[in-house]
C-alpha atoms as a PDB file:
ATOM      1  CA  MET A   1      66.012-103.353 151.112  1.00  0.00           C
ATOM      2  CA  PRO A   2      63.386-105.654 151.538  1.00  0.00           C
ATOM      3  CA  ARG A   3      60.536-105.235 148.678  1.00  0.00           C
ATOM      4  CA  HIS A   4      57.129-104.034 150.257  1.00  0.00           C
ATOM      5  CA  PHE A   5      53.224-103.843 148.817  1.00  0.00           C
ATOM      6  CA  LEU A   6      51.687-101.231 150.726  1.00  0.00           C
ATOM      7  CA  SER A   7      49.736 -99.378 147.846  1.00  0.00           C
ATOM      8  CA  ILE A   8      49.412-100.581 144.175  1.00  0.00           C
ATOM      9  CA  LEU A   9      51.693 -97.978 142.955  1.00  0.00           C
ATOM     10  CA  ASP A  10      54.753 -99.561 144.247  1.00  0.00           C
ATOM     11  CA  LEU A  11      54.739-101.352 141.131  1.00  0.00           C
ATOM     12  CA  ASN A  12      55.280 -99.333 138.876  1.00  0.00           C
ATOM     13  CA  ARG A  13      53.605 -99.924 135.224  1.00  0.00           C
ATOM     14  CA  GLU A  14      55.658-102.525 133.673  1.00  0.00           C
ATOM     15  CA  SER A  15      55.655-104.671 137.047  1.00  0.00           C
ATOM     16  CA  ALA A  16      51.985-103.786 137.446  1.00  0.00           C
ATOM     17  CA  TRP A  17      51.641-105.882 134.030  1.00  0.00           C
ATOM     18  CA  HIS A  18      53.813-108.372 134.640  1.00  0.00           C
ATOM     19  CA  VAL A  19      51.935-109.392 137.987  1.00  0.00           C
ATOM     20  CA  LEU A  20      48.846-109.740 136.228  1.00  0.00           C
ATOM     21  CA  ARG A  21      50.241-111.503 133.257  1.00  0.00           C
ATOM     22  CA  ARG A  22      52.056-114.224 135.954  1.00  0.00           C
ATOM     23  CA  ALA A  23      48.565-114.220 137.727  1.00  0.00           C
ATOM     24  CA  LEU A  24      46.472-115.464 134.689  1.00  0.00           C
ATOM     25  CA  ALA A  25      49.153-118.072 133.525  1.00  0.00           C
ATOM     26  CA  ILE A  26      49.019-119.329 137.493  1.00  0.00           C
ATOM     27  CA  LYS A  27      45.201-119.505 137.366  1.00  0.00           C
ATOM     28  CA  HIS A  28      45.357-121.493 133.850  1.00  0.00           C
ATOM     29  CA  GLU A  29      48.589-123.418 134.232  1.00  0.00           C
ATOM     30  CA  ALA A  30      48.180-124.228 138.502  1.00  0.00           C
ATOM     31  CA  ARG A  31      51.430-124.069 138.825  1.00  0.00           C
ATOM     32  CA  THR A  32      53.872-123.146 141.265  1.00  0.00           C
ATOM     33  CA  ASP A  33      57.963-122.998 141.417  1.00  0.00           C
ATOM     34  CA  GLY A  34      58.275-123.786 145.360  1.00  0.00           C
ATOM     35  CA  VAL A  35      58.834-119.726 145.437  1.00  0.00           C
ATOM     36  CA  LEU A  36      58.629-120.122 149.220  1.00  0.00           C
ATOM     37  CA  SER A  37      60.145-122.878 149.978  1.00  0.00           C
ATOM     38  CA  GLY A  38      61.295-122.920 153.770  1.00  0.00           C
ATOM     39  CA  LYS A  39      60.097-119.780 154.320  1.00  0.00           C
ATOM     40  CA  THR A  40      57.158-118.702 156.704  1.00  0.00           C
ATOM     41  CA  VAL A  41      55.085-115.570 156.364  1.00  0.00           C
ATOM     42  CA  VAL A  42      53.280-114.366 159.047  1.00  0.00           C
ATOM     43  CA  LEU A  43      49.908-112.695 158.983  1.00  0.00           C
ATOM     44  CA  VAL A  44      49.168-109.844 161.459  1.00  0.00           C
ATOM     45  CA  PHE A  45      45.551-109.209 161.682  1.00  0.00           C
ATOM     46  CA  GLU A  46      44.069-106.593 163.518  1.00  0.00           C
ATOM     47  CA  LYS A  47      40.877-106.957 161.270  1.00  0.00           C
ATOM     48  CA  PRO A  48      38.196-109.789 160.382  1.00  0.00           C
ATOM     49  CA  SER A  49      38.520-111.988 157.228  1.00  0.00           C
ATOM     50  CA  THR A  50      37.367-114.397 155.032  1.00  0.00           C
ATOM     51  CA  ARG A  51      38.823-114.398 151.595  1.00  0.00           C
ATOM     52  CA  THR A  52      42.080-112.028 152.154  1.00  0.00           C
ATOM     53  CA  ARG A  53      43.037-114.603 154.828  1.00  0.00           C
ATOM     54  CA  VAL A  54      42.449-117.799 153.582  1.00  0.00           C
ATOM     55  CA  SER A  55      43.120-116.787 149.763  1.00  0.00           C
ATOM     56  CA  PHE A  56      46.756-115.647 151.409  1.00  0.00           C
ATOM     57  CA  GLU A  57      47.508-118.932 153.723  1.00  0.00           C
ATOM     58  CA  VAL A  58      46.955-121.021 150.667  1.00  0.00           C
ATOM     59  CA  ALA A  59      48.902-119.501 148.450  1.00  0.00           C
ATOM     60  CA  VAL A  60      51.980-119.476 150.675  1.00  0.00           C
ATOM     61  CA  ASN A  61      51.130-123.449 151.244  1.00  0.00           C
ATOM     62  CA  ASP A  62      50.916-124.072 147.312  1.00  0.00           C
ATOM     63  CA  LEU A  63      54.191-122.258 146.917  1.00  0.00           C
ATOM     64  CA  GLY A  64      55.585-124.421 149.212  1.00  0.00           C
ATOM     65  CA  GLY A  65      55.700-121.530 152.496  1.00  0.00           C
ATOM     66  CA  THR A  66      54.453-121.383 155.835  1.00  0.00           C
ATOM     67  CA  ALA A  67      52.118-119.842 156.924  1.00  0.00           C
ATOM     68  CA  LEU A  68      51.245-118.499 160.584  1.00  0.00           C
ATOM     69  CA  PHE A  69      48.174-116.119 161.559  1.00  0.00           C
ATOM     70  CA  MET A  70      48.486-114.132 164.255  1.00  0.00           C
ATOM     71  CA  ALA A  71      45.384-111.765 165.418  1.00  0.00           C
ATOM     72  CA  SER A  72      45.517-108.519 167.949  1.00  0.00           C
ATOM     73  CA  GLY A  73      43.840-110.499 170.346  1.00  0.00           C
ATOM     74  CA  ASP A  74      46.614-113.419 170.390  1.00  0.00           C
ATOM     75  CA  SER A  75      49.595-111.243 170.692  1.00  0.00           C
ATOM     76  CA  GLN A  76      51.403-108.258 171.886  1.00  0.00           C
ATOM     77  CA  LEU A  77      49.273-105.514 169.450  1.00  0.00           C
ATOM     78  CA  GLY A  78      46.231-106.097 171.369  1.00  0.00           C
ATOM     79  CA  ARG A  79      48.202-105.089 175.044  1.00  0.00           C
ATOM     80  CA  SER A  80      49.335-102.010 172.618  1.00  0.00           C
ATOM     81  CA  GLU A  81      53.043-102.938 172.133  1.00  0.00           C
ATOM     82  CA  PRO A  82      54.567-100.326 169.452  1.00  0.00           C
ATOM     83  CA  LEU A  83      54.131-101.486 165.842  1.00  0.00           C
ATOM     84  CA  LYS A  84      58.083-101.006 165.079  1.00  0.00           C
ATOM     85  CA  ASP A  85      59.022-103.474 168.438  1.00  0.00           C
ATOM     86  CA  THR A  86      56.496-105.831 166.949  1.00  0.00           C
ATOM     87  CA  ALA A  87      57.647-105.071 163.002  1.00  0.00           C
ATOM     88  CA  ARG A  88      61.404-106.150 164.412  1.00  0.00           C
ATOM     89  CA  VAL A  89      61.059-108.708 166.174  1.00  0.00           C
ATOM     90  CA  LEU A  90      58.721-110.731 163.766  1.00  0.00           C
ATOM     91  CA  SER A  91      61.591-109.502 161.233  1.00  0.00           C
ATOM     92  CA  ARG A  92      63.873-112.630 163.431  1.00  0.00           C
ATOM     93  CA  TYR A  93      61.063-115.388 163.037  1.00  0.00           C
ATOM     94  CA  ALA A  94      59.662-114.731 159.707  1.00  0.00           C
ATOM     95  CA  HIS A  95      60.229-114.187 155.953  1.00  0.00           C
ATOM     96  CA  ALA A  96      57.405-112.071 155.124  1.00  0.00           C
ATOM     97  CA  LEU A  97      54.521-109.822 157.080  1.00  0.00           C
ATOM     98  CA  VAL A  98      50.861-109.572 155.729  1.00  0.00           C
ATOM     99  CA  VAL A  99      49.670-107.406 157.625  1.00  0.00           C
ATOM    100  CA  ARG A 100      45.570-106.344 157.758  1.00  0.00           C
ATOM    101  CA  THR A 101      45.170-103.128 159.602  1.00  0.00           C
ATOM    102  CA  PHE A 102      43.548 -99.496 160.344  1.00  0.00           C
ATOM    103  CA  GLY A 103      45.588 -96.650 159.497  1.00  0.00           C
ATOM    104  CA  GLN A 104      47.661 -96.503 156.450  1.00  0.00           C
ATOM    105  CA  ALA A 105      50.313 -94.972 159.209  1.00  0.00           C
ATOM    106  CA  ASN A 106      50.293 -98.068 160.914  1.00  0.00           C
ATOM    107  CA  LEU A 107      51.322-100.091 157.884  1.00  0.00           C
ATOM    108  CA  GLU A 108      53.986 -97.713 156.921  1.00  0.00           C
ATOM    109  CA  GLU A 109      55.525 -98.014 160.230  1.00  0.00           C
ATOM    110  CA  MET A 110      55.976-101.507 160.025  1.00  0.00           C
ATOM    111  CA  ALA A 111      57.883-101.583 156.849  1.00  0.00           C
ATOM    112  CA  ARG A 112      59.937 -98.600 157.942  1.00  0.00           C
ATOM    113  CA  TYR A 113      61.319-100.588 160.971  1.00  0.00           C
ATOM    114  CA  ALA A 114      60.643-104.436 159.259  1.00  0.00           C
ATOM    115  CA  SER A 115      64.017-105.843 157.250  1.00  0.00           C
ATOM    116  CA  ILE A 116      61.766-108.206 155.265  1.00  0.00           C
ATOM    117  CA  PRO A 117      58.746-107.511 152.790  1.00  0.00           C
ATOM    118  CA  VAL A 118      55.514-106.182 154.458  1.00  0.00           C
ATOM    119  CA  ILE A 119      52.490-107.108 152.430  1.00  0.00           C
ATOM    120  CA  ASN A 120      49.146-104.292 152.694  1.00  0.00           C
ATOM    121  CA  ALA A 121      46.350-106.767 153.316  1.00  0.00           C
ATOM    122  CA  LEU A 122      43.512-103.661 153.868  1.00  0.00           C
ATOM    123  CA  THR A 123      44.086-100.936 155.820  1.00  0.00           C
ATOM    124  CA  ASP A 124      41.701 -97.874 155.701  1.00  0.00           C
ATOM    125  CA  GLU A 125      43.051 -96.057 153.559  1.00  0.00           C
ATOM    126  CA  TYR A 126      43.745 -99.165 150.934  1.00  0.00           C
ATOM    127  CA  HIS A 127      43.632-102.401 149.780  1.00  0.00           C
ATOM    128  CA  PRO A 128      45.511-103.190 147.217  1.00  0.00           C
ATOM    129  CA  CYS A 129      45.545-106.624 146.932  1.00  0.00           C
ATOM    130  CA  GLN A 130      41.944-106.968 146.492  1.00  0.00           C
ATOM    131  CA  VAL A 131      41.801-104.425 143.425  1.00  0.00           C
ATOM    132  CA  MET A 132      44.804-105.930 141.586  1.00  0.00           C
ATOM    133  CA  SER A 133      42.538-109.046 142.329  1.00  0.00           C
ATOM    134  CA  ASP A 134      40.097-107.081 140.744  1.00  0.00           C
ATOM    135  CA  VAL A 135      41.271-106.057 137.084  1.00  0.00           C
ATOM    136  CA  LEU A 136      43.135-109.216 136.859  1.00  0.00           C
ATOM    137  CA  THR A 137      39.300-110.884 137.020  1.00  0.00           C
ATOM    138  CA  MET A 138      38.215-107.581 133.950  1.00  0.00           C
ATOM    139  CA  PHE A 139      41.195-108.872 131.947  1.00  0.00           C
ATOM    140  CA  GLU A 140      40.700-112.408 132.283  1.00  0.00           C
ATOM    141  CA  GLY A 141      38.016-111.924 130.086  1.00  0.00           C
ATOM    142  CA  ARG A 142      38.261-108.291 128.415  1.00  0.00           C
ATOM    143  CA  PRO A 143      42.537-108.124 127.828  1.00  0.00           C
ATOM    144  CA  ASP A 144      41.609-104.803 125.768  1.00  0.00           C
ATOM    145  CA  LEU A 145      41.952-102.874 129.535  1.00  0.00           C
ATOM    146  CA  GLU A 146      41.946 -99.389 127.279  1.00  0.00           C
ATOM    147  CA  ASN A 147      38.873 -99.432 125.514  1.00  0.00           C
ATOM    148  CA  LEU A 148      37.033-100.007 129.176  1.00  0.00           C
ATOM    149  CA  LYS A 149      35.170 -97.825 131.135  1.00  0.00           C
ATOM    150  CA  VAL A 150      34.375 -99.165 134.991  1.00  0.00           C
ATOM    151  CA  ALA A 151      31.863 -97.221 137.195  1.00  0.00           C
ATOM    152  CA  TRP A 152      32.702 -97.610 140.920  1.00  0.00           C
ATOM    153  CA  VAL A 153      29.298 -96.157 142.826  1.00  0.00           C
ATOM    154  CA  GLY A 154      29.242 -95.673 145.907  1.00  0.00           C
ATOM    155  CA  ASP A 155      31.652 -94.986 149.203  1.00  0.00           C
ATOM    156  CA  GLY A 156      35.287 -92.738 148.599  1.00  0.00           C
ATOM    157  CA  ASN A 157      36.577 -95.938 150.488  1.00  0.00           C
ATOM    158  CA  ASN A 158      39.890 -97.947 150.806  1.00  0.00           C
ATOM    159  CA  MET A 159      38.872-100.103 147.496  1.00  0.00           C
ATOM    160  CA  ALA A 160      38.166 -96.314 145.467  1.00  0.00           C
ATOM    161  CA  HIS A 161      41.529 -95.424 145.984  1.00  0.00           C
ATOM    162  CA  SER A 162      42.925 -98.235 145.957  1.00  0.00           C
ATOM    163  CA  TRP A 163      40.892 -98.468 141.930  1.00  0.00           C
ATOM    164  CA  ILE A 164      41.882 -94.979 141.275  1.00  0.00           C
ATOM    165  CA  ASN A 165      45.580 -95.724 142.198  1.00  0.00           C
ATOM    166  CA  ALA A 166      45.027 -98.830 139.363  1.00  0.00           C
ATOM    167  CA  ALA A 167      43.756 -96.570 136.786  1.00  0.00           C
ATOM    168  CA  VAL A 168      47.582 -95.074 136.612  1.00  0.00           C
ATOM    169  CA  HIS A 169      48.686 -98.191 135.675  1.00  0.00           C
ATOM    170  CA  PHE A 170      46.386 -99.927 133.842  1.00  0.00           C
ATOM    171  CA  PRO A 171      44.724 -97.778 130.499  1.00  0.00           C
ATOM    172  CA  PHE A 172      40.559 -97.914 131.411  1.00  0.00           C
ATOM    173  CA  GLU A 173      39.033 -95.128 132.235  1.00  0.00           C
ATOM    174  CA  LEU A 174      37.468 -94.808 135.942  1.00  0.00           C
ATOM    175  CA  ALA A 175      34.544 -93.389 136.760  1.00  0.00           C
ATOM    176  CA  LEU A 176      33.672 -92.760 140.537  1.00  0.00           C
ATOM    177  CA  ALA A 177      29.893 -91.826 142.007  1.00  0.00           C
ATOM    178  CA  ALA A 178      29.960 -90.946 145.870  1.00  0.00           C
ATOM    179  CA  PRO A 179      27.820 -88.667 147.688  1.00  0.00           C
ATOM    180  CA  LYS A 180      28.954 -85.351 148.877  1.00  0.00           C
ATOM    181  CA  GLY A 181      30.876 -85.954 151.746  1.00  0.00           C
ATOM    182  CA  TYR A 182      32.158 -89.311 151.358  1.00  0.00           C
ATOM    183  CA  LYS A 183      33.883 -88.296 147.888  1.00  0.00           C
ATOM    184  CA  PRO A 184      37.909 -90.030 147.412  1.00  0.00           C
ATOM    185  CA  ASN A 185      40.849 -88.286 149.103  1.00  0.00           C
ATOM    186  CA  PRO A 186      41.357 -85.523 146.807  1.00  0.00           C
ATOM    187  CA  ASP A 187      45.357 -85.733 146.720  1.00  0.00           C
ATOM    188  CA  VAL A 188      45.074 -89.679 145.977  1.00  0.00           C
ATOM    189  CA  VAL A 189      42.924 -88.118 142.600  1.00  0.00           C
ATOM    190  CA  GLU A 190      45.295 -85.539 141.923  1.00  0.00           C
ATOM    191  CA  ASN A 191      48.186 -87.573 142.454  1.00  0.00           C
ATOM    192  CA  ALA A 192      46.622 -90.311 139.909  1.00  0.00           C
ATOM    193  CA  ARG A 193      45.624 -87.147 137.432  1.00  0.00           C
ATOM    194  CA  GLN A 194      48.667 -86.131 137.573  1.00  0.00           C
ATOM    195  CA  ALA A 195      50.078 -89.731 136.491  1.00  0.00           C
ATOM    196  CA  GLY A 196      48.023 -89.849 133.680  1.00  0.00           C
ATOM    197  CA  ALA A 197      45.339 -91.666 135.089  1.00  0.00           C
ATOM    198  CA  ARG A 198      41.610 -91.816 133.358  1.00  0.00           C
ATOM    199  CA  LEU A 199      39.247 -90.567 135.960  1.00  0.00           C
ATOM    200  CA  SER A 200      36.413 -88.670 136.607  1.00  0.00           C
ATOM    201  CA  LEU A 201      34.313 -87.977 139.850  1.00  0.00           C
ATOM    202  CA  THR A 202      30.755 -87.111 139.563  1.00  0.00           C
ATOM    203  CA  SER A 203      27.864 -86.891 142.603  1.00  0.00           C
ATOM    204  CA  ASP A 204      25.029 -88.897 140.197  1.00  0.00           C
ATOM    205  CA  PRO A 205      25.678 -92.575 139.977  1.00  0.00           C
ATOM    206  CA  ARG A 206      23.498 -92.946 136.677  1.00  0.00           C
ATOM    207  CA  GLU A 207      26.090 -90.823 134.981  1.00  0.00           C
ATOM    208  CA  ALA A 208      29.200 -92.771 136.902  1.00  0.00           C
ATOM    209  CA  VAL A 209      27.068 -96.407 134.878  1.00  0.00           C
ATOM    210  CA  ALA A 210      25.935 -94.901 131.547  1.00  0.00           C
ATOM    211  CA  GLY A 211      27.685 -97.041 129.016  1.00  0.00           C
ATOM    212  CA  ALA A 212      29.820 -98.503 131.688  1.00  0.00           C
ATOM    213  CA  ASP A 213      31.617-102.243 131.061  1.00  0.00           C
ATOM    214  CA  PHE A 214      31.966-102.637 134.797  1.00  0.00           C
ATOM    215  CA  VAL A 215      30.010-101.455 137.594  1.00  0.00           C
ATOM    216  CA  ASN A 216      31.874-101.931 140.658  1.00  0.00           C
ATOM    217  CA  THR A 217      30.817-101.525 144.361  1.00  0.00           C
ATOM    218  CA  ASP A 218      31.589-101.712 148.231  1.00  0.00           C
ATOM    219  CA  VAL A 219      29.742-102.123 151.512  1.00  0.00           C
ATOM    220  CA  TRP A 220      28.775 -98.655 152.423  1.00  0.00           C
ATOM    221  CA  ALA A 221      29.952 -98.455 155.805  1.00  0.00           C
ATOM    222  CA  SER A 222      33.449-100.101 155.810  1.00  0.00           C
ATOM    223  CA  MET A 223      34.819-101.980 158.992  1.00  0.00           C
ATOM    224  CA  GLY A 224      35.598 -99.640 162.187  1.00  0.00           C
ATOM    225  CA  ARG A 225      32.761 -97.196 159.883  1.00  0.00           C
ATOM    226  CA  GLU A 226      29.728 -99.428 161.403  1.00  0.00           C
ATOM    227  CA  SER A 227      28.369 -96.495 164.253  1.00  0.00           C
ATOM    228  CA  GLU A 228      27.614 -94.654 161.199  1.00  0.00           C
ATOM    229  CA  HIS A 229      25.262 -97.480 159.663  1.00  0.00           C
ATOM    230  CA  SER A 230      21.960 -95.933 159.965  1.00  0.00           C
ATOM    231  CA  THR A 231      23.469 -92.607 158.581  1.00  0.00           C
ATOM    232  CA  ARG A 232      24.526 -94.182 155.502  1.00  0.00           C
ATOM    233  CA  LEU A 233      21.918 -95.819 154.420  1.00  0.00           C
ATOM    234  CA  ASP A 234      20.050 -92.691 153.758  1.00  0.00           C
ATOM    235  CA  VAL A 235      23.092 -90.863 152.258  1.00  0.00           C
ATOM    236  CA  PHE A 236      23.431 -93.726 149.956  1.00  0.00           C
ATOM    237  CA  SER A 237      19.829 -95.475 149.076  1.00  0.00           C
ATOM    238  CA  PRO A 238      20.452 -93.613 145.593  1.00  0.00           C
ATOM    239  CA  TYR A 239      24.087 -95.258 144.731  1.00  0.00           C
ATOM    240  CA  GLN A 240      22.244 -99.088 144.999  1.00  0.00           C
ATOM    241  CA  VAL A 241      23.881-101.608 142.594  1.00  0.00           C
ATOM    242  CA  ASN A 242      19.843-102.745 141.246  1.00  0.00           C
ATOM    243  CA  ASP A 243      18.250-103.827 137.670  1.00  0.00           C
ATOM    244  CA  GLU A 244      17.377-100.225 136.995  1.00  0.00           C
ATOM    245  CA  LEU A 245      20.892 -98.514 137.508  1.00  0.00           C
ATOM    246  CA  LEU A 246      22.371-101.288 134.786  1.00  0.00           C
ATOM    247  CA  THR A 247      20.085-100.729 132.472  1.00  0.00           C
ATOM    248  CA  LEU A 248      22.359 -97.649 132.048  1.00  0.00           C
ATOM    249  CA  ALA A 249      25.166 -99.616 131.362  1.00  0.00           C
ATOM    250  CA  HIS A 250      26.909-101.033 128.164  1.00  0.00           C
ATOM    251  CA  PRO A 251      24.143-104.071 127.523  1.00  0.00           C
ATOM    252  CA  GLU A 252      27.322-106.675 128.479  1.00  0.00           C
ATOM    253  CA  ALA A 253      28.527-105.008 131.588  1.00  0.00           C
ATOM    254  CA  LYS A 254      29.810-107.015 134.468  1.00  0.00           C
ATOM    255  CA  VAL A 255      28.689-106.391 138.270  1.00  0.00           C
ATOM    256  CA  MET A 256      31.796-106.622 140.387  1.00  0.00           C
ATOM    257  CA  HIS A 257      31.645-106.195 144.018  1.00  0.00           C
ATOM    258  CA  CYS A 258      34.690-106.986 146.360  1.00  0.00           C
ATOM    259  CA  LEU A 259      32.671-109.290 149.350  1.00  0.00           C
ATOM    260  CA  PRO A 260      31.258-109.221 151.744  1.00  0.00           C
ATOM    261  CA  ALA A 261      27.944-107.705 150.274  1.00  0.00           C
ATOM    262  CA  HIS A 262      25.222-106.505 152.501  1.00  0.00           C
ATOM    263  CA  ARG A 263      22.054-107.344 150.050  1.00  0.00           C
ATOM    264  CA  GLY A 264      19.507-105.069 149.688  1.00  0.00           C
ATOM    265  CA  GLU A 265      21.364-102.025 150.725  1.00  0.00           C
ATOM    266  CA  GLU A 266      24.771-101.268 147.896  1.00  0.00           C
ATOM    267  CA  ILE A 267      23.216-103.992 145.503  1.00  0.00           C
ATOM    268  CA  THR A 268      20.203-106.272 145.569  1.00  0.00           C
ATOM    269  CA  ASP A 269      19.686-110.446 145.114  1.00  0.00           C
ATOM    270  CA  GLN A 270      18.857-110.099 142.438  1.00  0.00           C
ATOM    271  CA  VAL A 271      22.042-108.619 140.361  1.00  0.00           C
ATOM    272  CA  MET A 272      24.378-110.625 142.952  1.00  0.00           C
ATOM    273  CA  GLU A 273      22.664-113.566 141.281  1.00  0.00           C
ATOM    274  CA  GLY A 274      21.999-112.940 138.058  1.00  0.00           C
ATOM    275  CA  PRO A 275      23.922-113.448 134.668  1.00  0.00           C
ATOM    276  CA  ARG A 276      25.961-109.700 134.550  1.00  0.00           C
ATOM    277  CA  SER A 277      27.899-110.670 138.928  1.00  0.00           C
ATOM    278  CA  ILE A 278      31.351-112.053 138.736  1.00  0.00           C
ATOM    279  CA  VAL A 279      31.801-111.416 142.267  1.00  0.00           C
ATOM    280  CA  TRP A 280      32.699-115.513 142.637  1.00  0.00           C
ATOM    281  CA  ASP A 281      35.070-115.399 140.037  1.00  0.00           C
ATOM    282  CA  GLN A 282      36.559-112.109 141.563  1.00  0.00           C
ATOM    283  CA  ALA A 283      36.593-113.961 145.076  1.00  0.00           C
ATOM    284  CA  GLU A 284      38.556-117.011 143.556  1.00  0.00           C
ATOM    285  CA  ASN A 285      40.788-114.424 141.445  1.00  0.00           C
ATOM    286  CA  ARG A 286      42.286-113.435 145.173  1.00  0.00           C
ATOM    287  CA  LEU A 287      43.984-116.956 145.201  1.00  0.00           C
ATOM    288  CA  HIS A 288      46.144-116.273 142.410  1.00  0.00           C
ATOM    289  CA  MET A 289      46.536-112.869 142.720  1.00  0.00           C
ATOM    290  CA  GLN A 290      48.349-113.851 146.169  1.00  0.00           C
ATOM    291  CA  LYS A 291      50.842-116.071 144.093  1.00  0.00           C
ATOM    292  CA  ALA A 292      51.942-113.998 141.341  1.00  0.00           C
ATOM    293  CA  LEU A 293      52.387-110.898 144.192  1.00  0.00           C
ATOM    294  CA  LEU A 294      54.743-113.080 146.506  1.00  0.00           C
ATOM    295  CA  GLU A 295      56.570-114.654 143.887  1.00  0.00           C
ATOM    296  CA  TRP A 296      57.569-110.883 142.378  1.00  0.00           C
ATOM    297  CA  ILE A 297      58.355-109.750 145.956  1.00  0.00           C
ATOM    298  CA  PHE A 298      60.711-112.778 146.450  1.00  0.00           C
ATOM    299  CA  GLN A 299      61.862-113.351 142.929  1.00  0.00           C
ATOM    300  CA  GLY A 300      62.481-109.497 142.388  1.00  0.00           C
ATOM    301  CA  ARG A 301      60.995-109.902 138.262  1.00  0.00           C
ATOM    302  CA  ASP A 302      59.145-107.593 135.958  1.00  0.00           C
ATOM    303  CA  SER A 303      59.023-109.648 133.173  1.00  0.00           C
END
């Protein structure tokens, strides 16, 4: 059976910590072992991307492999070929698929029919590679993850879901603030709580940010929801991460954003460019985390 990475919960706690520590080691050692030598990884993207695409392509190349990018408009995906057919055909040509698509069900169907590993490069429900990179960004500055409070402010979207999943494996406290009607999927929340995650949900961003060590946000209208933009501006305006909100956080709190950012909406330009911002570290860490995840998938080591 191929080792897939469809959500953070495809890692167990031991492997999650192994990948985290390995990514940090890769970053500082700048060493690769040719894990993907002679292997081809196909990036199947139905949504646009900057950081995910480039970090995966560079990671595959640095690990000795070949990355092949395939957009939906350049393939039979754009002509409604069944996903299961695409998965089975690409399995005959390549050694792994990195898939950026819409519904999680699409990704799971490809994984079900693929005979090679499938990696989630973003769906409407989860963005696990990004959040593992964000945990790495916290970890390299504050390895005492158990003593951290992380605030999520804004939409209960795919990023929020992956942060909730991350809280299952890593011992930080996660406080999420989202408006009524935009909260995370209750099943995702309940499953994480049952697994021991320390979670709190509120509609008050001030409550979530109070005492937080890291304050995290994302765009208010994710890809595919652009038509809701004007409505969401009204609903989410109290959730902007700005200097006033940050007065409630820990005095040394850092601000995170997965990018791209809509400055002046979910976050101000002053905060993005200010001394609390670590968004560029997050972006860089995508590369190191992709390498660690690819190594875990192909080598199968958890320690």
